[in-house]
Amino acid sequence: MSLLLLLLQAEETFKTIEARIEKAASLHVRFTRRVDTLGDAAQVDRTSTSHGLLAVGKSGQVRYELNYKQDATDKHLCLYDGARLRVRHGRGPIEEREAAPGLKAIVLSLFARGGTGACGNVLSWGQVKDSTAAEQKKLLQATNFRDVQGRTGLGFTHTPLNTPQDTADSVLWYDPKTFDPKKREDRQELAGLGRFVVTETYEIREDAPDDLFSWPADK
């Protein structure tokens, strides 16, 4: 098989994965994220691991949760109930932000192209009041597709939302039957900070229960 044909197949596979995610009526993703910092400014290798949840509901709700510690005191939570977006860092105050009516579509597109990290960046810090999924996809460009490990993985280059002047090399592993993402690895180098490898693994379900979209009571 020619190299050109392999590249075209990898791009078509990516489009299939992306379309499947974007068309989901509901999505429930449990994920683990590992960040390896290799040779930072202090020339020290570091590793951190966190766990999280990304969910979208049939009525347009969105939940993004990232837990840094087992006791959940360092939990990052973004919740959109279809009317308002609320964000909270740890035990800090709840911030309310305006969000676009199409926030669900934006989040699904971000997950398909940039993983859960892209979703968290936009929900936490991005301007989502007047944004659209098409605009976010244009910012998060994906190019240079390649085949990885036959039919179980594909590689590509994308532009990270938090550092649009840079590029990251990505590999996405998927289920060849369902085209659900299983694992993602992004490699990026930042001047003066070192090289970063972000690895995410996913457990995906198609239905997100309604109770996920209620703001949790403080304990």
Protein backbone atom coordinates (compact mmCIF):
# COMPACT_ATOMS: atom_id res chain seq x y z
CA MET A 1 0.00 0.00 0.00
CA SER A 2 1.42 3.42 -0.97
CA LEU A 3 2.34 6.03 1.63
CA LEU A 4 -0.15 8.48 0.13
CA LEU A 5 -2.98 5.98 0.50
CA LEU A 6 -2.03 5.33 4.13
CA LEU A 7 -2.05 9.06 4.84
CA LEU A 8 -5.45 9.49 3.22
CA GLN A 9 -6.84 6.57 5.21
CA ALA A 10 -5.52 8.06 8.45
CA GLU A 11 -7.22 11.37 7.72
CA GLU A 12 -10.49 9.66 6.80
CA THR A 13 -10.34 7.63 10.02
CA PHE A 14 -9.85 10.83 12.02
CA LYS A 15 -12.87 12.39 10.30
CA THR A 16 -14.93 9.30 11.12
CA ILE A 17 -13.95 9.48 14.81
CA GLU A 18 -14.61 13.21 14.88
CA ALA A 19 -18.03 12.86 13.22
CA ARG A 20 -19.07 10.10 15.63
CA ILE A 21 -18.26 12.26 18.64
CA GLU A 22 -19.82 15.42 17.24
CA LYS A 23 -23.11 13.64 16.44
CA ALA A 24 -23.45 12.10 19.92
CA ALA A 25 -26.79 12.92 21.56
CA SER A 26 -25.19 12.27 24.94
CA LEU A 27 -21.69 11.37 26.05
CA HIS A 28 -20.17 10.24 29.36
CA VAL A 29 -16.35 10.08 29.47
CA ARG A 30 -14.25 9.07 32.47
CA PHE A 31 -10.60 9.88 31.91
CA THR A 32 -7.16 9.68 33.47
CA ARG A 33 -4.57 12.29 32.54
CA ARG A 34 -0.84 11.94 33.06
CA VAL A 35 1.52 14.85 32.43
CA ASP A 36 5.23 14.16 32.07
CA THR A 37 7.50 17.22 32.09
CA LEU A 38 10.85 16.27 30.61
CA GLY A 39 13.80 18.56 31.28
CA ASP A 40 12.04 21.75 32.38
CA ALA A 41 13.78 25.03 33.23
CA ALA A 42 15.21 23.41 36.38
CA GLN A 43 16.22 20.31 34.39
CA VAL A 44 14.01 18.12 36.56
CA ASP A 45 11.69 15.47 35.17
CA ARG A 46 8.26 15.52 36.81
CA THR A 47 5.08 13.47 36.53
CA SER A 48 1.56 14.31 37.70
CA THR A 49 -1.65 12.29 37.39
CA SER A 50 -5.27 13.43 37.64
CA HIS A 51 -8.70 11.94 37.01
CA GLY A 52 -11.77 13.53 35.57
CA LEU A 53 -15.15 13.44 33.91
CA LEU A 54 -16.51 14.98 30.73
CA ALA A 55 -20.24 14.67 30.10
CA VAL A 56 -22.76 16.20 27.72
CA GLY A 57 -26.51 15.73 28.09
CA LYS A 58 -29.30 15.36 25.58
CA SER A 59 -30.65 18.80 26.49
CA GLY A 60 -27.34 20.55 25.89
CA GLN A 61 -25.87 20.32 29.40
CA VAL A 62 -22.11 20.06 29.91
CA ARG A 63 -19.99 18.95 32.87
CA TYR A 64 -16.19 18.98 33.08
CA GLU A 65 -14.51 17.84 36.26
CA LEU A 66 -10.83 17.37 37.06
CA ASN A 67 -9.62 15.92 40.37
CA TYR A 68 -5.99 16.44 41.33
CA LYS A 69 -6.18 14.80 44.77
CA GLN A 70 -8.01 11.83 46.23
CA ASP A 71 -9.83 13.94 48.82
CA ALA A 72 -11.24 16.20 46.06
CA THR A 73 -10.18 19.40 47.85
CA ASP A 74 -8.36 20.34 44.66
CA LYS A 75 -11.24 19.71 42.29
CA HIS A 76 -11.84 21.81 39.20
CA LEU A 77 -15.51 21.87 38.12
CA CYS A 78 -17.32 23.47 35.18
CA LEU A 79 -21.07 22.93 34.88
CA TYR A 80 -23.46 24.19 32.22
CA ASP A 81 -27.10 23.34 32.90
CA GLY A 82 -28.38 24.67 29.59
CA ALA A 83 -28.83 28.20 30.89
CA ARG A 84 -25.69 29.26 32.75
CA LEU A 85 -22.08 28.21 33.05
CA ARG A 86 -20.60 27.97 36.53
CA VAL A 87 -16.91 27.39 37.27
CA ARG A 88 -15.19 26.60 40.55
CA HIS A 89 -11.53 25.95 41.39
CA GLY A 90 -11.06 23.86 44.54
CA ARG A 91 -12.89 25.45 47.47
CA GLY A 92 -12.84 28.87 45.84
CA PRO A 93 -15.88 30.94 44.93
CA ILE A 94 -18.31 29.88 42.21
CA GLU A 95 -17.93 32.02 39.11
CA GLU A 96 -20.84 32.47 36.68
CA ARG A 97 -20.07 33.08 33.03
CA GLU A 98 -22.09 33.65 29.91
CA ALA A 99 -22.01 30.81 27.41
CA ALA A 100 -23.09 30.29 23.83
CA PRO A 101 -26.32 28.31 23.26
CA GLY A 102 -24.27 25.82 21.23
CA LEU A 103 -21.86 25.02 24.04
CA LYS A 104 -22.57 21.29 23.75
CA ALA A 105 -21.47 21.26 20.10
CA ILE A 106 -18.35 23.27 20.98
CA VAL A 107 -17.33 20.80 23.70
CA LEU A 108 -17.87 17.76 21.50
CA SER A 109 -15.72 19.28 18.74
CA LEU A 110 -13.00 20.20 21.22
CA PHE A 111 -12.91 16.69 22.68
CA ALA A 112 -12.63 15.16 19.20
CA ARG A 113 -9.67 17.34 18.24
CA GLY A 114 -7.92 18.35 21.43
CA GLY A 115 -8.93 15.85 24.10
CA THR A 116 -10.38 16.76 27.48
CA GLY A 117 -7.64 19.33 28.07
CA ALA A 118 -8.96 21.54 25.26
CA CYS A 119 -12.46 21.30 26.75
CA GLY A 120 -11.19 22.33 30.18
CA ASN A 121 -9.21 25.27 28.80
CA VAL A 122 -12.16 26.74 26.93
CA LEU A 123 -14.74 26.14 29.66
CA SER A 124 -12.45 27.58 32.34
CA TRP A 125 -10.74 30.46 30.61
CA GLY A 126 -11.98 30.83 27.03
CA GLN A 127 -14.55 33.21 25.63
CA VAL A 128 -17.53 30.97 24.92
CA LYS A 129 -20.29 33.59 24.90
CA ASP A 130 -20.29 34.21 21.15
CA SER A 131 -18.23 31.25 19.95
CA THR A 132 -19.26 28.36 17.69
CA ALA A 133 -18.00 24.83 17.15
CA ALA A 134 -16.75 25.77 13.68
CA GLU A 135 -14.69 28.65 15.07
CA GLN A 136 -13.11 26.44 17.74
CA LYS A 137 -12.26 23.76 15.16
CA LYS A 138 -10.59 26.38 13.00
CA LEU A 139 -8.41 27.42 15.94
CA LEU A 140 -7.60 23.82 16.83
CA GLN A 141 -6.24 22.81 13.43
CA ALA A 142 -5.36 19.18 12.75
CA THR A 143 -2.95 18.34 9.91
CA ASN A 144 -0.18 15.93 8.84
CA PHE A 145 -2.11 12.72 9.47
CA ARG A 146 -0.31 9.38 9.57
CA ASP A 147 -1.11 5.77 10.33
CA VAL A 148 0.08 4.33 13.66
CA GLN A 149 0.02 0.62 14.54
CA GLY A 150 -2.18 -0.38 11.65
CA ARG A 151 -5.89 0.14 12.25
CA THR A 152 -5.68 0.86 15.97
CA GLY A 153 -4.03 4.29 16.03
CA LEU A 154 -3.36 7.42 14.00
CA GLY A 155 -1.06 10.38 14.39
CA PHE A 156 -1.48 14.04 13.50
CA THR A 157 -0.23 17.53 14.30
CA HIS A 158 -2.50 20.04 16.00
CA THR A 159 -2.38 23.63 17.26
CA PRO A 160 -2.96 23.80 21.03
CA LEU A 161 -5.52 26.41 22.11
CA ASN A 162 -3.42 27.62 25.04
CA THR A 163 -0.28 28.15 22.89
CA PRO A 164 -1.51 28.82 19.32
CA GLN A 165 1.98 29.84 18.23
CA ASP A 166 3.16 26.25 18.76
CA THR A 167 2.25 22.80 17.47
CA ALA A 168 1.84 19.49 19.26
CA ASP A 169 2.43 16.02 17.88
CA SER A 170 -0.47 13.74 18.75
CA VAL A 171 -1.34 10.06 18.58
CA LEU A 172 -4.91 8.84 19.04
CA TRP A 173 -5.72 5.18 19.67
CA TYR A 174 -9.26 4.03 19.01
CA ASP A 175 -11.58 1.04 18.93
CA PRO A 176 -11.57 -0.15 15.28
CA LYS A 177 -15.16 -1.39 15.59
CA THR A 178 -16.86 1.58 17.25
CA PHE A 179 -14.27 4.30 16.47
CA ASP A 180 -14.44 5.44 20.10
CA PRO A 181 -11.21 7.08 21.31
CA LYS A 182 -9.36 4.90 23.82
CA LYS A 183 -6.11 6.78 24.47
CA ARG A 184 -4.44 9.99 23.38
CA GLU A 185 -0.85 11.25 23.64
CA ASP A 186 0.23 14.84 22.94
CA ARG A 187 3.88 15.87 22.79
CA GLN A 188 4.85 19.53 22.88
CA GLU A 189 8.01 21.53 23.54
CA LEU A 190 7.90 25.06 25.00
CA ALA A 191 10.94 27.32 25.02
CA GLY A 192 12.43 27.60 28.50
CA LEU A 193 9.92 25.17 30.00
CA GLY A 194 10.92 21.83 28.54
CA ARG A 195 9.08 19.04 26.78
CA PHE A 196 5.61 17.94 27.83
CA VAL A 197 3.93 14.61 27.19
CA VAL A 198 0.22 14.51 28.07
CA THR A 199 -1.40 11.06 28.02
CA GLU A 200 -5.14 10.60 28.42
CA THR A 201 -7.03 7.30 28.62
CA TYR A 202 -10.80 7.14 28.21
CA GLU A 203 -13.77 5.08 29.30
CA ILE A 204 -16.68 6.17 27.12
CA ARG A 205 -20.40 5.60 27.56
CA GLU A 206 -23.10 7.01 25.32
CA ASP A 207 -25.57 8.03 28.02
CA ALA A 208 -24.85 10.65 30.69
CA PRO A 209 -27.29 10.46 33.64
CA ASP A 210 -29.22 13.65 34.44
CA ASP A 211 -27.89 13.87 38.00
CA LEU A 212 -24.43 14.69 36.63
CA PHE A 213 -25.69 18.15 35.68
CA SER A 214 -26.75 19.29 39.14
CA TRP A 215 -24.32 21.40 41.13
CA PRO A 216 -22.99 19.30 44.03
CA ALA A 217 -23.69 20.42 47.60
CA ASP A 218 -20.67 21.47 49.65
CA LYS A 219 -19.69 19.06 52.38
